[in-house]
Structure formats: C-alpha cells, structure tokens
Amino acid sequence: MITLGFLNTELSSFMINLLVGKIVSGQKVMLYNSRLHLFLDKFKTKWSGPYVVQNVSPHGAIEISDPKNGNTFKVNGQRLKPFFTMETESHNIHELSLFEPVYM
C-alpha cells in the first residue's frame, strides 16, 4: 500500500526536478526576498536581482552570484525565477526622400 507521505515525497522531488531543469548555469535569475513584510512595505517588490547562476545542484540548491559585488551564495531553487530582458535589436534605418507633389 502506498502511503500519503511517499506520494508527497515523490511529488516534491518531481517538482524540484522540473524547477532545476529550467535554470542553467550562466542564466540571470531573480531572488525572492522572504523576510517578513509589514504594511509599510506593502508596495515594495519582493524580488531582488538580477543574479547570475554559477552552479546547479541535482538536489535543488543553486549557487548564485551578485554581479555588482561578486558575492556568491547558495539558495533553494524554489526562491528563484528566470530574469527576462527586453533586448532591442538594432534595425537598419533607410532614408527615403520625397518630392513635392505637382498639381496640374
């Protein structure tokens, strides 16, 4: 007979594997700030970053580094989400000269 604890363990390991599969070394991520938020911080963002992923462990721990000062530390992979940037592509600009219309 399968117990509920066994199913929870299998489900959590499956979720960790899904999360770890999405984050790779060199990727930029945001870190969730899990400190106690009071009413004064209601409109402050709870995400900080971006940080750069240095190493991904198979058990869900991810080592990240702060590009501003170079500090590295390990965090739980569930506290991270991918950081996406809107990169603008340089387009070639063509100039088209127009002539005044001739009315007859």
N, C-alpha and C. Protein backbone atom coordinates (compact mmCIF):
# COMPACT_ATOMS: atom_id res chain seq x y z
N MET A 1 0.84 -1.18 0.00
CA MET A 1 0.00 0.00 0.00
C MET A 1 0.88 1.25 0.00
N ILE A 2 0.56 2.21 -0.86
CA ILE A 2 1.32 3.45 -0.97
C ILE A 2 0.77 4.45 0.05
N THR A 3 1.67 5.02 0.83
CA THR A 3 1.24 5.97 1.85
C THR A 3 1.24 7.39 1.29
N LEU A 4 0.54 8.27 1.99
CA LEU A 4 0.45 9.66 1.57
C LEU A 4 1.81 10.35 1.65
N GLY A 5 2.62 10.01 2.65
CA GLY A 5 3.95 10.59 2.78
C GLY A 5 4.84 10.24 1.60
N PHE A 6 4.74 9.00 1.11
CA PHE A 6 5.52 8.58 -0.05
C PHE A 6 5.12 9.38 -1.27
N LEU A 7 3.81 9.58 -1.46
CA LEU A 7 3.35 10.34 -2.62
C LEU A 7 3.81 11.79 -2.53
N ASN A 8 3.78 12.39 -1.34
CA ASN A 8 4.25 13.77 -1.19
C ASN A 8 5.74 13.89 -1.49
N THR A 9 6.53 12.90 -1.07
CA THR A 9 7.96 12.91 -1.34
C THR A 9 8.22 12.80 -2.83
N GLU A 10 7.52 11.92 -3.50
CA GLU A 10 7.69 11.76 -4.94
C GLU A 10 7.26 13.02 -5.69
N LEU A 11 6.17 13.62 -5.25
CA LEU A 11 5.68 14.83 -5.90
C LEU A 11 6.66 15.98 -5.71
N SER A 12 7.21 16.15 -4.50
CA SER A 12 8.14 17.24 -4.26
C SER A 12 9.43 17.04 -5.06
N SER A 13 9.93 15.81 -5.15
CA SER A 13 11.14 15.57 -5.93
C SER A 13 10.87 15.81 -7.42
N PHE A 14 9.66 15.49 -7.88
CA PHE A 14 9.30 15.76 -9.27
C PHE A 14 9.28 17.26 -9.54
N MET A 15 8.72 18.04 -8.60
CA MET A 15 8.66 19.49 -8.77
C MET A 15 10.06 20.11 -8.73
N ILE A 16 10.94 19.59 -7.87
CA ILE A 16 12.31 20.10 -7.82
C ILE A 16 13.02 19.81 -9.13
N ASN A 17 12.82 18.63 -9.69
CA ASN A 17 13.44 18.29 -10.96
C ASN A 17 12.93 19.18 -12.09
N LEU A 18 11.65 19.53 -12.06
CA LEU A 18 11.12 20.45 -13.07
C LEU A 18 11.76 21.82 -12.95
N LEU A 19 11.89 22.31 -11.72
CA LEU A 19 12.45 23.63 -11.49
C LEU A 19 13.92 23.67 -11.85
N VAL A 20 14.68 22.67 -11.43
CA VAL A 20 16.11 22.66 -11.70
C VAL A 20 16.36 22.53 -13.20
N GLY A 21 15.48 21.86 -13.92
CA GLY A 21 15.64 21.72 -15.35
C GLY A 21 15.49 23.03 -16.10
N LYS A 22 14.80 24.02 -15.52
CA LYS A 22 14.58 25.29 -16.19
C LYS A 22 15.72 26.27 -15.99
N ILE A 23 16.50 26.12 -14.95
CA ILE A 23 17.56 27.06 -14.64
C ILE A 23 18.91 26.42 -14.95
N VAL A 24 19.74 27.13 -15.72
CA VAL A 24 21.05 26.61 -16.12
C VAL A 24 22.14 27.60 -15.71
N SER A 25 23.37 27.14 -15.71
CA SER A 25 24.50 27.99 -15.35
C SER A 25 24.64 29.13 -16.35
N GLY A 26 24.96 30.31 -15.83
CA GLY A 26 25.13 31.48 -16.67
C GLY A 26 23.85 32.27 -16.89
N GLN A 27 22.72 31.73 -16.48
CA GLN A 27 21.43 32.38 -16.67
C GLN A 27 21.21 33.45 -15.60
N LYS A 28 20.51 34.52 -15.94
CA LYS A 28 20.16 35.54 -14.96
C LYS A 28 18.83 35.17 -14.31
N VAL A 29 18.77 35.33 -12.97
CA VAL A 29 17.58 34.98 -12.20
C VAL A 29 17.25 36.09 -11.21
N MET A 30 16.01 36.10 -10.75
CA MET A 30 15.56 36.99 -9.68
C MET A 30 15.42 36.16 -8.41
N LEU A 31 15.74 36.75 -7.26
CA LEU A 31 15.70 36.07 -5.96
C LEU A 31 14.54 36.62 -5.15
N TYR A 32 13.71 35.71 -4.61
CA TYR A 32 12.58 36.11 -3.78
C TYR A 32 13.06 36.46 -2.39
N ASN A 33 12.70 37.64 -1.91
CA ASN A 33 13.07 38.09 -0.57
C ASN A 33 11.97 37.63 0.38
N SER A 34 12.25 36.64 1.21
CA SER A 34 11.22 36.02 2.03
C SER A 34 11.15 36.59 3.44
N ARG A 35 11.71 37.78 3.67
CA ARG A 35 11.61 38.36 5.01
C ARG A 35 10.18 38.78 5.30
N LEU A 36 9.90 39.02 6.56
CA LEU A 36 8.56 39.41 6.98
C LEU A 36 8.23 40.80 6.44
N HIS A 37 7.16 40.92 5.68
CA HIS A 37 6.76 42.20 5.09
C HIS A 37 5.66 42.81 5.94
N LEU A 38 5.91 44.02 6.40
CA LEU A 38 4.91 44.74 7.16
C LEU A 38 4.10 45.63 6.23
N PHE A 39 3.15 46.34 6.77
CA PHE A 39 2.28 47.16 5.94
C PHE A 39 3.02 48.30 5.24
N LEU A 40 4.12 48.77 5.84
CA LEU A 40 4.87 49.84 5.20
C LEU A 40 5.52 49.37 3.90
N ASP A 41 5.83 48.10 3.82
CA ASP A 41 6.46 47.55 2.63
C ASP A 41 5.45 46.93 1.68
N LYS A 42 4.21 47.32 1.80
CA LYS A 42 3.16 46.67 1.02
C LYS A 42 3.39 46.80 -0.49
N PHE A 43 3.86 47.95 -0.91
CA PHE A 43 4.01 48.18 -2.34
C PHE A 43 5.44 47.99 -2.83
N LYS A 44 6.32 47.53 -1.95
CA LYS A 44 7.68 47.23 -2.37
C LYS A 44 7.73 45.87 -3.05
N THR A 45 8.62 45.73 -3.99
CA THR A 45 8.76 44.45 -4.66
C THR A 45 9.47 43.45 -3.75
N LYS A 46 9.09 42.20 -3.85
CA LYS A 46 9.69 41.16 -3.03
C LYS A 46 10.80 40.43 -3.79
N TRP A 47 11.05 40.81 -5.03
CA TRP A 47 12.07 40.17 -5.84
C TRP A 47 13.27 41.09 -5.96
N SER A 48 14.47 40.54 -5.80
CA SER A 48 15.69 41.32 -5.95
C SER A 48 16.57 40.67 -7.00
N GLY A 49 17.45 41.46 -7.55
CA GLY A 49 18.34 40.91 -8.55
C GLY A 49 18.52 41.86 -9.70
N PRO A 50 19.03 41.41 -10.79
CA PRO A 50 19.26 40.03 -11.21
C PRO A 50 20.58 39.47 -10.67
N TYR A 51 20.61 38.17 -10.50
CA TYR A 51 21.80 37.44 -10.10
C TYR A 51 22.16 36.47 -11.22
N VAL A 52 23.41 36.03 -11.23
CA VAL A 52 23.89 35.10 -12.25
C VAL A 52 24.09 33.73 -11.61
N VAL A 53 23.55 32.68 -12.24
CA VAL A 53 23.67 31.32 -11.72
C VAL A 53 25.08 30.80 -11.99
N GLN A 54 25.73 30.32 -10.94
CA GLN A 54 27.08 29.76 -11.07
C GLN A 54 27.06 28.24 -11.16
N ASN A 55 26.24 27.59 -10.31
CA ASN A 55 26.23 26.13 -10.26
C ASN A 55 24.84 25.66 -9.88
N VAL A 56 24.38 24.59 -10.53
CA VAL A 56 23.07 24.00 -10.23
C VAL A 56 23.29 22.59 -9.70
N SER A 57 22.83 22.34 -8.47
CA SER A 57 22.97 21.02 -7.86
C SER A 57 21.76 20.16 -8.22
N PRO A 58 21.93 18.83 -8.28
CA PRO A 58 20.80 17.96 -8.64
C PRO A 58 19.73 17.90 -7.57
N HIS A 59 20.02 18.31 -6.34
CA HIS A 59 19.02 18.22 -5.28
C HIS A 59 18.24 19.52 -5.10
N GLY A 60 18.45 20.54 -5.94
CA GLY A 60 17.65 21.75 -5.90
C GLY A 60 18.35 22.98 -5.39
N ALA A 61 19.54 22.85 -4.80
CA ALA A 61 20.29 24.03 -4.34
C ALA A 61 21.00 24.66 -5.53
N ILE A 62 20.94 25.97 -5.61
CA ILE A 62 21.53 26.68 -6.73
C ILE A 62 22.47 27.75 -6.17
N GLU A 63 23.68 27.78 -6.71
CA GLU A 63 24.66 28.78 -6.29
C GLU A 63 24.58 29.96 -7.24
N ILE A 64 24.34 31.16 -6.67
CA ILE A 64 24.21 32.36 -7.49
C ILE A 64 25.23 33.38 -7.04
N SER A 65 25.54 34.33 -7.92
CA SER A 65 26.48 35.40 -7.57
C SER A 65 25.87 36.74 -7.94
N ASP A 66 26.22 37.74 -7.15
CA ASP A 66 25.76 39.10 -7.38
C ASP A 66 26.77 39.77 -8.31
N PRO A 67 26.36 40.22 -9.49
CA PRO A 67 27.33 40.83 -10.41
C PRO A 67 27.85 42.18 -9.93
N LYS A 68 27.16 42.82 -8.99
CA LYS A 68 27.59 44.14 -8.50
C LYS A 68 28.83 44.04 -7.64
N ASN A 69 28.85 43.05 -6.72
CA ASN A 69 29.98 42.96 -5.80
C ASN A 69 30.69 41.61 -5.83
N GLY A 70 30.19 40.64 -6.57
CA GLY A 70 30.85 39.36 -6.72
C GLY A 70 30.59 38.34 -5.62
N ASN A 71 29.70 38.64 -4.66
CA ASN A 71 29.39 37.69 -3.60
C ASN A 71 28.64 36.49 -4.16
N THR A 72 29.02 35.27 -3.73
CA THR A 72 28.32 34.07 -4.16
C THR A 72 27.71 33.40 -2.94
N PHE A 73 26.51 32.82 -3.11
CA PHE A 73 25.84 32.11 -2.03
C PHE A 73 24.87 31.10 -2.62
N LYS A 74 24.51 30.09 -1.80
CA LYS A 74 23.58 29.05 -2.23
C LYS A 74 22.19 29.35 -1.73
N VAL A 75 21.21 29.12 -2.59
CA VAL A 75 19.81 29.32 -2.22
C VAL A 75 19.01 28.13 -2.71
N ASN A 76 17.81 28.01 -2.17
CA ASN A 76 16.87 27.00 -2.62
C ASN A 76 16.37 27.40 -4.01
N GLY A 77 16.28 26.45 -4.92
CA GLY A 77 15.85 26.74 -6.28
C GLY A 77 14.42 27.25 -6.37
N GLN A 78 13.61 27.00 -5.34
CA GLN A 78 12.23 27.46 -5.35
C GLN A 78 12.12 28.95 -5.11
N ARG A 79 13.20 29.58 -4.65
CA ARG A 79 13.19 31.02 -4.41
C ARG A 79 13.62 31.81 -5.64
N LEU A 80 13.87 31.16 -6.75
CA LEU A 80 14.36 31.82 -7.96
C LEU A 80 13.35 31.76 -9.08
N LYS A 81 13.39 32.78 -9.93
CA LYS A 81 12.64 32.73 -11.18
C LYS A 81 13.50 33.35 -12.26
N PRO A 82 13.34 32.91 -13.50
CA PRO A 82 14.18 33.43 -14.59
C PRO A 82 13.97 34.93 -14.78
N PHE A 83 15.05 35.62 -15.14
CA PHE A 83 15.02 37.05 -15.39
C PHE A 83 15.07 37.25 -16.89
N PHE A 84 14.04 37.89 -17.43
CA PHE A 84 13.97 38.12 -18.86
C PHE A 84 14.18 39.60 -19.14
N THR A 85 14.96 39.92 -20.16
CA THR A 85 15.20 41.30 -20.54
C THR A 85 14.59 41.54 -21.91
N MET A 86 14.25 42.77 -22.14
CA MET A 86 13.75 43.17 -23.45
C MET A 86 14.93 43.74 -24.23
N GLU A 87 15.58 42.89 -24.99
CA GLU A 87 16.73 43.34 -25.76
C GLU A 87 16.24 43.93 -27.07
N THR A 88 16.69 45.14 -27.33
CA THR A 88 16.28 45.79 -28.58
C THR A 88 17.28 45.43 -29.66
N GLU A 89 16.76 45.15 -30.80
CA GLU A 89 17.61 44.84 -31.94
C GLU A 89 17.85 46.11 -32.72
N SER A 90 19.07 46.28 -33.19
CA SER A 90 19.36 47.47 -33.99
C SER A 90 18.87 47.21 -35.41
N HIS A 91 18.00 48.06 -35.86
CA HIS A 91 17.45 47.95 -37.20
C HIS A 91 18.14 48.95 -38.11
N ASN A 92 18.32 48.57 -39.35
CA ASN A 92 18.88 49.50 -40.32
C ASN A 92 17.81 50.52 -40.67
N ILE A 93 18.21 51.79 -40.64
CA ILE A 93 17.27 52.86 -40.96
C ILE A 93 17.55 53.33 -42.38
N HIS A 94 16.53 53.28 -43.22
CA HIS A 94 16.65 53.72 -44.60
C HIS A 94 15.99 55.08 -44.73
N GLU A 95 16.67 55.96 -45.45
CA GLU A 95 16.13 57.30 -45.65
C GLU A 95 15.49 57.34 -47.04
N LEU A 96 14.31 57.87 -47.08
CA LEU A 96 13.57 57.97 -48.33
C LEU A 96 13.24 59.44 -48.55
N SER A 97 13.74 60.01 -49.65
CA SER A 97 13.46 61.40 -49.91
C SER A 97 12.16 61.51 -50.72
N LEU A 98 11.33 62.44 -50.34
CA LEU A 98 10.04 62.66 -51.01
C LEU A 98 10.07 63.97 -51.77
N PHE A 99 9.38 63.99 -52.89
CA PHE A 99 9.28 65.19 -53.68
C PHE A 99 7.92 65.84 -53.44
N GLU A 100 7.89 67.14 -53.63
CA GLU A 100 6.64 67.87 -53.52
C GLU A 100 5.71 67.41 -54.65
N PRO A 101 4.44 67.24 -54.37
CA PRO A 101 3.53 66.83 -55.43
C PRO A 101 3.31 67.96 -56.45
N VAL A 102 3.14 67.58 -57.69
CA VAL A 102 2.91 68.56 -58.77
C VAL A 102 1.43 68.50 -59.11
N TYR A 103 0.75 69.67 -58.93
CA TYR A 103 -0.68 69.74 -59.25
C TYR A 103 -0.84 70.40 -60.61
N MET A 104 -1.70 69.86 -61.45
CA MET A 104 -1.92 70.42 -62.78
C MET A 104 -3.31 70.92 -62.93
